[in-house]
Protein backbone atom coordinates (compact mmCIF):
# COMPACT_ATOMS: atom_id res chain seq x y z
CA MET A 1 96.45 83.66 114.50
CA ARG A 2 99.11 86.41 113.83
CA LEU A 3 98.29 89.18 111.85
CA LYS A 4 100.47 92.39 110.73
CA ILE A 5 99.10 95.41 109.42
CA ILE A 6 101.47 97.19 107.03
CA THR A 7 100.31 100.88 106.37
CA LEU A 8 102.06 102.86 103.41
CA TYR A 9 102.35 106.71 103.84
CA SER A 10 103.27 109.71 101.58
CA GLY A 11 101.35 112.63 102.69
CA GLU A 12 98.07 111.56 103.27
CA LYS A 13 95.61 113.37 105.59
CA GLU A 14 94.07 110.54 106.79
CA TYR A 15 97.18 109.11 108.19
CA GLY A 16 96.39 110.25 111.98
CA GLU A 17 92.92 108.56 111.62
CA SER A 18 94.10 105.71 110.04
CA LYS A 19 96.57 104.81 113.10
CA LYS A 20 93.78 105.56 115.59
CA SER A 21 91.31 103.02 113.92
CA VAL A 22 94.11 100.51 113.82
CA LYS A 23 94.42 101.00 117.73
CA ARG A 24 90.50 100.86 118.35
CA GLN A 25 90.22 97.13 116.57
CA LYS A 26 88.83 94.56 118.66
CA VAL A 27 90.43 91.56 117.40
CA ARG A 28 90.75 88.10 119.05
CA HIS A 29 94.15 87.60 116.96
CA SER A 30 97.68 88.67 117.76
CA VAL A 31 98.06 91.98 115.65
CA ASP A 32 101.44 93.93 114.89
CA VAL A 33 101.77 97.22 113.02
CA SER A 34 104.47 98.42 110.23
CA PHE A 35 104.78 101.67 108.29
CA ILE A 36 106.41 102.43 105.36
CA GLU A 37 107.06 106.17 104.99
CA ASN A 38 108.06 108.80 102.59
CA LYS A 39 108.89 106.41 99.77
CA THR A 40 108.22 106.80 96.20
CA LYS A 41 105.42 104.51 94.80
CA PRO A 42 107.30 101.91 93.41
CA GLU A 43 110.28 101.79 96.44
CA ALA A 44 107.35 101.61 99.17
CA HIS A 45 105.60 98.83 97.39
CA GLY A 46 109.09 96.82 96.94
CA LEU A 47 109.57 97.30 100.63
CA LEU A 48 105.97 95.84 101.41
CA TYR A 49 106.46 92.80 99.34
CA GLU A 50 109.99 92.20 100.81
CA MET A 51 108.56 92.47 104.36
CA ILE A 52 105.84 90.01 103.37
CA MET A 53 108.07 87.43 102.22
CA SER A 54 110.90 87.98 104.66
CA GLU A 55 108.49 87.87 107.57
CA ARG A 56 106.44 84.71 106.34
CA HIS A 57 107.12 82.79 108.99
CA SER A 58 106.41 85.41 111.96
CA TYR A 59 102.60 86.06 110.57
CA ASP A 60 99.49 84.28 109.04
CA TYR A 61 98.25 87.07 107.18
CA PHE A 62 99.25 90.48 106.19
CA ILE A 63 96.86 93.58 105.58
CA LYS A 64 97.88 96.15 103.25
CA LEU A 65 96.54 99.51 104.58
CA ASP A 66 97.32 102.61 102.77
CA ALA A 67 97.58 105.64 105.00
CA ASP A 68 94.41 107.48 103.53
CA MET A 69 91.98 104.29 104.11
CA ILE A 70 90.73 104.28 107.97
CA PHE A 71 88.55 100.97 109.64
CA THR A 72 85.25 102.39 109.87
CA ASP A 73 84.46 99.76 112.22
CA ASP A 74 85.85 98.63 115.27
CA GLY A 75 85.26 94.80 114.09
CA ALA A 76 86.76 95.71 110.54
CA VAL A 77 89.67 93.27 110.78
CA GLU A 78 88.24 90.80 112.75
CA LYS A 79 85.45 90.65 109.83
CA ILE A 80 88.37 91.14 107.22
CA ILE A 81 90.18 88.37 108.09
CA GLN A 82 87.16 86.17 108.63
CA TYR A 83 86.37 86.57 105.08
CA ALA A 84 89.80 86.36 104.17
CA VAL A 85 89.90 83.01 105.63
CA GLU A 86 86.46 81.70 104.47
CA SER A 87 87.93 82.55 100.55
CA GLY A 88 90.58 80.17 101.02
CA SER A 89 92.51 82.51 98.85
CA ASP A 90 96.32 83.68 98.75
CA ILE A 91 95.35 87.22 97.87
CA PHE A 92 92.14 88.65 99.22
CA SER A 93 90.52 91.91 98.14
CA ILE A 94 87.46 94.12 99.66
CA PRO A 95 86.41 97.38 98.21
CA VAL A 96 86.32 100.65 100.39
CA HIS A 97 84.26 103.58 100.32
CA ASP A 98 85.71 106.01 98.38
CA PHE A 99 85.04 109.83 99.21
CA LEU A 100 86.01 111.02 95.61
CA THR A 101 83.93 108.70 93.46
CA ASP A 102 81.12 108.09 96.33
CA SER A 103 81.54 104.57 95.50
CA MET A 104 82.87 101.33 96.34
CA ILE A 105 86.38 100.71 94.69
CA TRP A 106 88.57 97.88 95.30
CA GLY A 107 91.59 99.04 97.53
CA LEU A 108 92.20 96.67 100.54
CA ASN A 109 94.17 93.80 100.11
CA VAL A 110 95.03 90.77 102.32
CA TYR A 111 97.79 88.46 101.83
CA ARG A 112 98.38 85.23 103.38
CA SER A 113 101.48 83.91 104.44
CA GLY A 114 103.78 82.35 101.69
CA VAL A 115 102.87 84.61 98.93
CA ARG A 116 106.01 85.54 96.56
CA TRP A 117 106.76 88.13 94.19
CA PHE A 118 109.20 89.11 91.72
CA VAL A 119 109.71 92.85 93.33
CA ASP A 120 109.77 95.39 91.19
CA SER A 121 108.25 93.73 88.12
CA GLU A 122 105.63 96.25 87.79
CA SER A 123 106.21 100.09 88.33
CA LEU A 124 102.77 101.38 87.27
CA PHE A 125 100.49 98.80 88.70
CA THR A 126 102.08 98.50 91.62
CA ASP A 127 99.50 96.23 93.32
CA GLN A 128 100.02 93.61 90.66
CA GLN A 129 103.48 92.66 90.84
CA ARG A 130 104.28 89.27 89.02
CA LEU A 131 103.67 86.63 91.27
CA ASN A 132 106.94 84.09 91.79
CA GLY A 133 104.49 80.99 91.83
CA CYS A 134 101.04 79.85 91.45
CA PHE A 135 98.79 81.53 94.18
CA SER A 136 95.07 82.11 94.13
CA SER A 137 92.93 85.31 94.64
CA SER A 138 89.54 86.36 94.81
CA LYS A 139 87.57 89.46 95.85
CA ARG A 140 84.02 89.58 98.00
CA TYR A 141 81.92 92.43 97.11
CA LEU A 142 80.65 94.64 99.76
CA LYS A 143 77.77 97.22 99.30
CA LYS A 144 78.08 100.94 100.80
CA ASP A 145 75.99 100.15 103.76
CA GLU A 146 78.61 97.04 104.46
CA SER A 147 81.70 98.88 104.07
CA LEU A 148 84.46 98.44 106.63
CA VAL A 149 87.02 100.96 105.25
CA SER A 150 87.07 104.55 103.73
CA HIS A 151 89.34 106.06 101.43
CA ALA A 152 90.32 109.48 101.12
CA SER A 153 87.37 110.84 103.20
CA MET A 154 89.67 114.10 104.70
CA ALA A 155 91.55 114.72 101.09
CA ASP A 156 92.66 118.01 100.45
CA ASP A 157 92.60 119.38 97.21
CA PHE A 158 96.47 118.55 96.34
CA GLN A 159 95.47 114.93 97.39
CA GLY A 160 92.42 115.24 94.97
CA PHE A 161 94.91 116.59 92.24
CA VAL A 162 97.23 113.70 92.95
CA PHE A 163 94.60 110.92 93.01
CA GLY A 164 93.48 112.18 89.27
CA ILE A 165 96.87 112.04 87.97
CA HIS A 166 97.64 108.33 89.32
CA ARG A 167 94.20 107.24 87.89
CA ALA A 168 95.09 109.11 84.53
CA ALA A 169 98.89 107.50 84.43
CA LYS A 170 97.18 104.18 84.62
CA ILE A 171 94.53 105.20 81.85
CA VAL A 172 97.60 106.42 79.17
CA GLN A 173 100.10 103.60 80.64
CA LYS A 174 103.01 105.66 78.69
CA SER A 175 105.52 103.22 80.15
CA GLU A 176 103.61 100.01 79.12
CA LYS A 177 105.16 98.30 75.94
CA ASN A 178 101.65 96.41 75.74
CA VAL A 179 98.64 98.63 76.61
CA LYS A 180 96.39 96.79 79.02
CA LEU A 181 92.90 98.20 77.68
CA GLY A 182 90.91 96.49 80.64
CA HIS A 183 92.90 98.73 83.24
CA SER A 184 92.56 101.52 81.16
CA TYR A 185 88.79 101.02 80.88
CA ILE A 186 88.45 100.58 84.67
CA GLN A 187 90.87 103.93 85.83
CA LEU A 188 88.54 105.84 83.19
CA LYS A 189 85.30 104.61 84.52
CA THR A 190 86.88 105.57 88.09
CA ILE A 191 87.34 109.26 86.68
CA LYS A 192 83.64 109.00 85.26
CA LEU A 193 82.36 108.40 88.70
CA VAL A 194 84.44 111.55 90.26
CA LEU A 195 82.62 113.42 87.38
CA SER A 196 79.31 112.20 88.51
CA ALA A 197 79.84 112.78 91.76
CA TRP A 198 81.34 116.45 91.33
CA LYS A 199 78.53 117.22 89.07
CA LYS A 200 76.08 116.65 92.22
CA ASP A 201 78.03 118.92 94.93
CA LYS A 202 80.63 120.53 93.05
CA ASN A 203 83.01 119.69 95.98
CA ARG A 204 86.17 121.19 95.15
CA VAL A 205 88.32 118.12 96.10
CA ARG A 206 86.63 116.27 93.70
CA GLY A 207 87.06 119.02 90.98
CA TRP A 208 90.93 119.05 91.42
CA ALA A 209 91.09 114.90 91.16
CA LEU A 210 89.23 115.78 87.59
CA VAL A 211 91.72 118.50 87.09
CA GLY A 212 94.53 116.41 87.54
CA ALA A 213 93.51 113.27 85.40
CA TYR A 214 92.31 116.10 82.69
CA LEU A 215 95.89 117.45 82.69
CA LEU A 216 97.94 114.18 82.61
CA ALA A 217 95.43 112.44 80.22
CA GLY A 218 94.84 115.35 78.17
CA ASN A 219 98.89 115.88 77.69
CA LYS A 220 99.06 118.99 79.42
CA LEU A 221 101.53 118.24 81.80
CA GLY A 222 104.57 116.68 79.86
CA ARG A 223 105.04 113.78 82.04
CA TYR A 224 103.15 110.69 82.50
CA ASP A 225 103.88 108.64 85.78
CA MET A 226 102.86 108.88 89.13
CA THR A 227 106.16 107.91 91.05
CA ASN A 228 106.27 110.71 93.60
CA ARG A 229 103.55 112.92 94.89
CA SER A 230 106.10 115.95 95.08
CA ASP A 231 106.61 115.82 91.58
CA TYR A 232 103.36 117.51 91.00
CA ILE A 233 103.57 120.33 93.62
CA GLU A 234 104.44 123.10 91.15
CA SER A 235 101.85 122.14 88.79
CA PHE A 236 99.22 121.99 91.10
CA HIS A 237 100.13 125.38 92.66
CA SER A 238 100.43 126.88 88.74
CA THR A 239 96.87 125.29 87.61
CA ASP A 240 94.04 127.79 87.07
CA PHE A 241 91.33 125.45 88.84
CA GLU A 242 88.35 127.59 87.52
CA LYS A 243 89.70 127.40 83.87
CA GLN A 244 90.72 123.90 83.91
CA ILE A 245 87.69 122.27 85.58
CA ILE A 246 85.70 123.51 82.84
CA GLU A 247 88.31 121.61 80.45
CA ALA A 248 87.86 118.78 82.51
CA ASP A 249 84.08 118.52 82.66
CA LYS A 250 84.16 118.63 78.84
CA PHE A 251 86.94 116.32 78.47
CA PHE A 252 85.67 113.67 80.54
CA SER A 253 81.89 114.25 79.68
CA LYS A 254 82.74 112.35 76.02
CA SER A 255 82.08 108.53 75.59
CA THR A 256 84.25 106.21 77.19
CA ILE A 257 85.62 104.64 73.93
CA PHE A 258 86.52 107.87 72.45
CA LEU A 259 87.89 108.92 75.57
CA MET A 260 90.39 106.05 75.55
CA ILE A 261 91.22 106.74 71.73
CA GLU A 262 92.00 110.05 72.54
CA ALA A 263 94.17 109.51 75.57
CA LEU A 264 95.88 106.37 74.20
CA GLY A 265 96.14 107.52 70.54
CA VAL A 266 94.76 105.62 67.65
CA VAL A 267 97.91 103.48 67.12
CA ARG A 268 98.33 102.12 70.64
CA PHE A 269 94.59 101.84 71.12
CA CYS A 270 94.69 99.62 68.31
CA LYS A 271 97.75 97.50 69.43
CA GLY A 272 96.00 97.44 72.91
CA ILE A 273 93.15 95.43 71.03
CA GLY A 274 95.61 93.11 69.35
CA PHE A 275 97.43 92.62 72.75
CA TYR A 276 94.04 91.86 74.53
CA LEU A 277 92.65 89.53 71.70
CA LYS A 278 96.21 87.69 72.03
CA ARG A 279 96.05 87.17 75.57
CA LYS A 280 92.64 85.97 75.20
CA ILE A 281 93.16 83.56 72.67
CA TRP A 282 96.39 82.55 74.66
CA LEU A 283 94.47 81.96 77.83
């Protein structure tokens, strides 16, 4: 079986260890690696999907490994591909152990050769580009002690800040004509997991994730996209962490539904409900 691991890098601290973890893999199959570096999020994913489609005759499966992900088991790739083959799906996902939430979150995707996309059809939820055809997908849940991949295990303060902004951008979805309430809810629950983890140990990186999410969701930054990490360097350096972490704690301690209404606005929240119900009826 022929495999390709494709890593997307844009400044993550784990990049070096991620590459080392790939080299340590004990796998029976032929494995090649490619790197997409220093691109905006939409650009990087566009290149990813184009690569998978153009090289479909050269490989059987493609693994998307973000630069902040590290294989924590030398047999991780072997196990992941086994799970993917057993699933019989074209797109297969497993959760990764995320440091910021101290939980298992969905993160690593495997694509069977032949999957096609309408590239650049989704700029916010870049892992969910519109498929060009009928392809199956499935997930396999792993418990924390079964984890094969770590996420953000070496994150610094800025990486935490960007994580929060990225999640909050998916909560407010300002670029979306129709708000996907389910996606907003999932991202908000993720931030609440960060809050829970932060309350236990007051880890500063987790605190910065909360601050980043609060500043964007609370309309304190004047922008709502997460296209390029470097766009937020100035905001990061000008933020008073000690002051804003108090506000972030208060903000995200509110009920989930109230937070969704506050972040989206009453009108967009109601429209989101209508869009959700319409989709359910149509499906």
